[in-house]
Protein backbone atom coordinates (compact mmCIF):
# COMPACT_ATOMS: atom_id res chain seq x y z
CA MET A 1 -20.38 35.67 -10.49
CA ARG A 2 -19.45 36.12 -6.93
CA ALA A 3 -18.65 32.70 -6.50
CA TYR A 4 -16.55 32.53 -9.46
CA VAL A 5 -14.43 35.24 -8.18
CA PHE A 6 -14.00 33.61 -5.08
CA ALA A 7 -13.01 30.29 -7.14
CA SER A 8 -10.47 32.18 -8.66
CA ARG A 9 -8.83 33.51 -5.61
CA ASN A 10 -8.93 29.86 -4.32
CA THR A 11 -7.49 28.55 -7.16
CA LYS A 12 -4.31 30.89 -6.84
CA GLU A 13 -4.15 29.58 -3.37
CA ILE A 14 -4.13 26.16 -4.53
CA LEU A 15 -1.15 26.82 -7.12
CA ARG A 16 0.97 28.72 -4.46
CA ASP A 17 1.43 25.72 -2.39
CA ILE A 18 3.37 23.52 -4.84
CA LEU A 19 4.72 21.08 -2.65
CA THR A 20 1.40 19.93 -1.34
CA LEU A 21 -0.25 20.35 -4.99
CA PHE A 22 2.82 17.85 -6.35
CA PHE A 23 2.19 15.54 -3.35
CA GLY A 24 -1.61 15.34 -4.10
CA LEU A 25 -1.06 14.41 -7.58
CA ALA A 26 1.96 12.25 -7.17
CA PHE A 27 1.18 9.93 -4.47
CA PRO A 28 -1.77 7.93 -6.34
CA LEU A 29 0.82 7.54 -9.02
CA VAL A 30 3.60 6.15 -6.61
CA ILE A 31 1.00 3.54 -5.03
CA LEU A 32 0.01 2.73 -8.58
CA LEU A 33 3.46 1.80 -9.71
CA LEU A 34 4.30 0.16 -6.54
CA LEU A 35 1.22 -2.35 -6.59
CA TYR A 36 2.29 -2.72 -10.55
CA ALA A 37 5.46 -3.76 -9.75
CA ILE A 38 4.42 -6.31 -7.10
CA GLY A 39 1.74 -7.75 -9.18
CA SER A 40 4.37 -8.32 -11.73
CA ALA A 41 6.48 -10.17 -9.51
CA VAL A 42 3.96 -12.17 -8.34
CA PRO A 43 4.33 -16.24 -10.18
CA GLU A 44 1.52 -16.68 -12.69
CA GLU A 45 0.27 -19.50 -10.45
CA ALA A 46 -0.35 -17.04 -7.62
CA HIS A 47 -1.62 -14.15 -9.58
CA LEU A 48 -4.55 -12.08 -8.13
CA ASP A 49 -7.22 -10.36 -10.04
CA MET A 50 -6.42 -7.15 -8.17
CA PHE A 51 -3.19 -6.66 -9.79
CA ASP A 52 -4.67 -6.51 -13.39
CA ILE A 53 -4.21 -3.16 -14.55
CA GLU A 54 -7.78 -2.57 -15.53
CA ASN A 55 -8.95 -3.33 -12.00
CA LEU A 56 -6.10 -1.75 -10.24
CA THR A 57 -6.39 1.70 -11.72
CA PRO A 58 -10.10 2.31 -11.01
CA GLY A 59 -9.45 1.85 -7.42
CA ILE A 60 -6.23 3.95 -7.26
CA THR A 61 -7.80 6.85 -8.70
CA VAL A 62 -10.53 6.69 -6.37
CA PHE A 63 -8.19 6.26 -3.35
CA GLY A 64 -6.40 9.29 -4.82
CA LEU A 65 -9.14 11.48 -4.54
CA SER A 66 -9.06 11.02 -0.74
CA PHE A 67 -6.34 13.57 -0.74
CA ILE A 68 -8.61 15.93 -2.26
CA ALA A 69 -10.44 16.16 1.09
CA LEU A 70 -7.19 17.36 2.78
CA PHE A 71 -6.79 19.92 0.09
CA SER A 72 -10.12 21.59 0.68
CA ALA A 73 -9.99 21.23 4.63
CA GLN A 74 -6.71 23.05 4.70
CA LEU A 75 -7.85 25.93 2.34
CA ILE A 76 -10.97 26.60 4.55
CA ALA A 77 -9.08 25.87 7.81
CA LYS A 78 -6.52 28.60 6.68
CA ASP A 79 -8.84 30.97 5.84
CA LYS A 80 -10.29 30.78 9.49
CA THR A 81 -7.20 31.52 11.03
CA THR A 82 -7.10 34.76 9.08
CA SER A 83 -8.81 38.10 9.21
CA PHE A 84 -9.56 37.25 5.43
CA MET A 85 -12.63 35.19 6.44
CA MET A 86 -14.02 37.60 8.92
CA ARG A 87 -13.94 40.40 6.11
CA LEU A 88 -15.47 37.80 3.86
CA PHE A 89 -18.56 37.24 6.63
CA THR A 90 -19.02 40.95 6.20
CA SER A 91 -19.76 40.75 2.10
CA PRO A 92 -22.90 39.69 0.48
CA ILE A 93 -21.61 36.45 -0.25
CA LYS A 94 -24.03 33.56 0.66
CA SER A 95 -23.01 30.44 2.32
CA SER A 96 -24.12 28.34 -1.08
CA GLU A 97 -21.45 30.49 -2.99
CA PHE A 98 -18.72 30.32 -0.25
CA ILE A 99 -19.04 26.21 -0.67
CA LEU A 100 -19.26 26.49 -4.43
CA GLY A 101 -16.28 28.67 -4.55
CA TYR A 102 -14.27 26.23 -2.55
CA THR A 103 -15.50 23.56 -4.76
CA LEU A 104 -14.92 24.68 -8.00
CA PRO A 105 -11.01 24.74 -8.29
CA LEU A 106 -10.76 21.16 -6.67
CA ILE A 107 -12.77 19.30 -9.45
CA PRO A 108 -10.35 20.14 -11.94
CA MET A 109 -7.67 19.09 -10.02
CA SER A 110 -9.54 15.95 -9.38
CA LEU A 111 -9.95 15.10 -13.20
CA VAL A 112 -6.15 15.85 -13.91
CA GLN A 113 -5.13 13.54 -10.98
CA THR A 114 -7.26 10.87 -12.41
CA LEU A 115 -6.28 11.06 -16.08
CA ILE A 116 -2.60 11.15 -14.55
CA CYS A 117 -3.16 7.80 -13.22
CA TYR A 118 -4.98 6.73 -16.43
CA VAL A 119 -2.06 7.78 -18.68
CA THR A 120 0.26 6.13 -16.70
CA ALA A 121 -1.86 3.01 -16.57
CA ILE A 122 -1.82 3.15 -20.69
CA ILE A 123 1.97 3.07 -20.63
CA LEU A 124 1.90 0.19 -18.19
CA GLY A 125 -0.31 -1.71 -20.65
CA LEU A 126 -3.65 -0.76 -20.16
CA GLU A 127 -5.74 -0.81 -23.56
CA PHE A 128 -6.80 2.90 -24.33
CA THR A 129 -10.54 2.93 -25.41
CA PRO A 130 -12.89 6.05 -25.08
CA ASN A 131 -14.18 4.23 -21.73
CA ILE A 132 -10.94 5.62 -20.08
CA LEU A 133 -12.74 9.23 -20.23
CA LEU A 134 -16.15 7.81 -19.04
CA ALA A 135 -14.42 6.58 -15.88
CA ALA A 136 -12.75 9.62 -15.28
CA VAL A 137 -16.31 11.35 -15.22
CA VAL A 138 -17.73 8.64 -13.24
CA ASN A 139 -14.98 9.89 -10.54
CA ILE A 140 -16.45 13.33 -10.38
CA PRO A 141 -19.32 12.57 -7.61
CA ILE A 142 -16.60 10.58 -5.21
CA ALA A 143 -14.46 14.02 -5.77
CA LEU A 144 -17.42 15.90 -4.69
CA VAL A 145 -17.73 13.65 -1.71
CA PHE A 146 -14.44 14.11 -0.82
CA ILE A 147 -14.57 17.86 -1.14
CA ALA A 148 -17.78 17.97 0.96
CA LEU A 149 -16.11 16.18 3.58
CA GLY A 150 -13.00 18.09 3.62
CA LEU A 151 -15.22 21.24 3.72
CA LEU A 152 -16.97 19.82 6.62
CA CYS A 153 -13.95 19.12 8.69
CA GLY A 154 -12.23 22.49 7.75
CA THR A 155 -15.13 24.49 9.08
CA VAL A 156 -15.58 22.61 12.55
CA LEU A 157 -11.89 21.72 12.99
CA SER A 158 -8.82 23.69 13.41
CA GLU A 159 -5.91 23.55 10.83
CA LYS A 160 -3.92 21.25 12.98
CA ALA A 161 -6.85 18.86 13.50
CA VAL A 162 -7.96 18.29 9.81
CA GLY A 163 -4.66 17.01 9.21
CA GLY A 164 -5.48 13.80 11.35
CA ILE A 165 -8.91 13.74 10.27
CA CYS A 166 -8.79 14.07 6.40
CA GLY A 167 -5.03 13.02 6.01
CA ALA A 168 -5.29 10.08 8.15
CA LEU A 169 -8.88 8.93 9.17
CA LEU A 170 -10.43 9.41 6.09
CA THR A 171 -7.55 7.97 3.81
CA ASN A 172 -7.92 5.10 5.57
CA LEU A 173 -11.57 4.60 5.81
CA SER A 174 -11.67 5.03 1.97
CA ALA A 175 -8.91 2.36 1.70
CA TRP A 176 -10.42 -0.24 3.84
CA PHE A 177 -13.92 0.01 2.80
CA SER A 178 -13.34 0.33 -1.01
CA ASN A 179 -12.52 -3.03 -2.81
CA ILE A 180 -9.36 -1.65 -4.01
CA TRP A 181 -6.88 -3.98 -1.94
CA PHE A 182 -9.50 -7.02 -1.46
CA ASP A 183 -13.07 -7.85 -2.17
CA THR A 184 -15.01 -6.77 1.14
CA ALA A 185 -17.51 -9.88 0.26
CA LEU A 186 -14.85 -12.31 1.42
CA VAL A 187 -14.72 -10.69 4.81
CA GLY A 188 -18.52 -10.54 4.95
CA GLY A 189 -20.59 -9.76 8.15
CA TRP A 190 -20.81 -6.10 9.58
CA PHE A 191 -17.62 -5.35 7.58
CA GLU A 192 -19.31 -5.98 4.40
CA GLY A 193 -22.12 -4.18 5.72
CA ILE A 194 -20.36 -0.99 6.46
CA ALA A 195 -18.53 -0.86 3.20
CA ASN A 196 -21.76 -0.95 1.34
CA ALA A 197 -23.21 1.64 3.45
CA LEU A 198 -20.42 3.91 2.60
CA PRO A 199 -19.57 5.15 -0.82
CA PHE A 200 -16.10 4.30 -1.78
CA ALA A 201 -16.83 0.66 -2.37
CA HIS A 202 -19.67 1.92 -4.93
CA ALA A 203 -17.36 4.62 -6.66
CA VAL A 204 -14.57 1.96 -7.28
CA ASN A 205 -17.31 -0.46 -8.64
CA ALA A 206 -18.57 2.28 -10.87
CA ALA A 207 -15.32 3.39 -12.18
CA ARG A 208 -14.72 -0.41 -12.91
CA TYR A 209 -17.70 -0.89 -14.67
CA ALA A 210 -17.36 2.20 -16.77
CA LEU A 211 -13.98 1.16 -17.97
CA ASN A 212 -14.95 -2.47 -18.59
CA GLY A 213 -17.48 -1.08 -20.68
CA GLU A 214 -20.34 -2.59 -18.31
CA PHE A 215 -22.49 0.53 -18.81
CA GLU A 216 -25.69 -0.95 -17.49
CA SER A 217 -23.83 -1.75 -14.19
CA VAL A 218 -22.59 1.59 -13.63
CA MET A 219 -25.84 3.66 -12.46
CA PRO A 220 -26.58 1.63 -9.46
CA ASP A 221 -23.53 2.36 -7.65
CA LEU A 222 -22.93 5.77 -9.32
CA LEU A 223 -26.52 6.76 -7.90
CA TRP A 224 -25.34 5.79 -3.98
CA VAL A 225 -22.37 8.22 -4.44
CA ILE A 226 -24.42 10.96 -6.10
CA GLY A 227 -26.61 10.81 -3.19
CA TYR A 228 -23.71 11.23 -0.84
CA ALA A 229 -22.12 14.02 -2.52
CA VAL A 230 -25.60 16.13 -2.58
CA VAL A 231 -26.26 15.26 0.93
CA LEU A 232 -22.74 16.12 2.12
CA LEU A 233 -22.69 19.48 0.43
CA ALA A 234 -26.00 20.61 1.64
CA VAL A 235 -24.79 19.77 5.05
CA ALA A 236 -21.51 22.03 4.53
CA ILE A 237 -23.72 24.77 3.31
CA VAL A 238 -25.79 24.65 6.61
CA ILE A 239 -23.06 24.26 8.82
CA PHE A 240 -20.99 27.04 7.19
CA THR A 241 -23.99 29.61 7.53
CA VAL A 242 -24.27 28.47 10.69
CA LYS A 243 -20.69 29.40 11.33
CA MET A 244 -21.43 32.69 9.56
CA LYS A 245 -24.14 33.79 11.87
CA ARG A 246 -22.16 32.88 14.87
CA ASN A 247 -19.12 34.93 13.68
CA LYS A 248 -21.32 37.94 12.52
């Protein structure tokens, strides 16, 4: 109940920041429309599979979730700069409830962002199937990964610093190592190794498999992402606990 009440407060804080909320929801949509336009202009003989709407859309939905990390980081970093956080530290709320309270409001936002992209893709020609809903659900673990990364950054960094880490570095990592713009296997070597070690490419692969109905191939990649989500959330709770004890 304490986590739910705290989550309600955080939901209101997110909804108050209309400009950032609009940017987070609309920016992936702009990228999807731009890349679809580029793909449509490419001659048939030079066509690339990455521009096919059924391949492009799952990748953009995963990339768009990287902006959720900035939301979660800013939310907790702003609270650190006010007396609100200090008052909360004197309350009986546990660290796990703090993290849950910051996480819960961002999950629906992640789903809305994903569904907006898929609705737009349907308008652009993507065939509507129940697999779209499955692909949206498959995105939840990678959303939790980005939320946890944002909470970690927001806990240990200042409000100004999280913009550079979550707004620039993390989005670039998720873009280059995710199989969205190109197949990392074509680069090979250490680059492919890093991509396979990180969760981003696995998340894109799982979403594509789910959308295309290749259900037996979803779990191997999805389990990798779920493992990252569990570990990062646990680390976020531990670091937040240390922060609470120091401030107390």
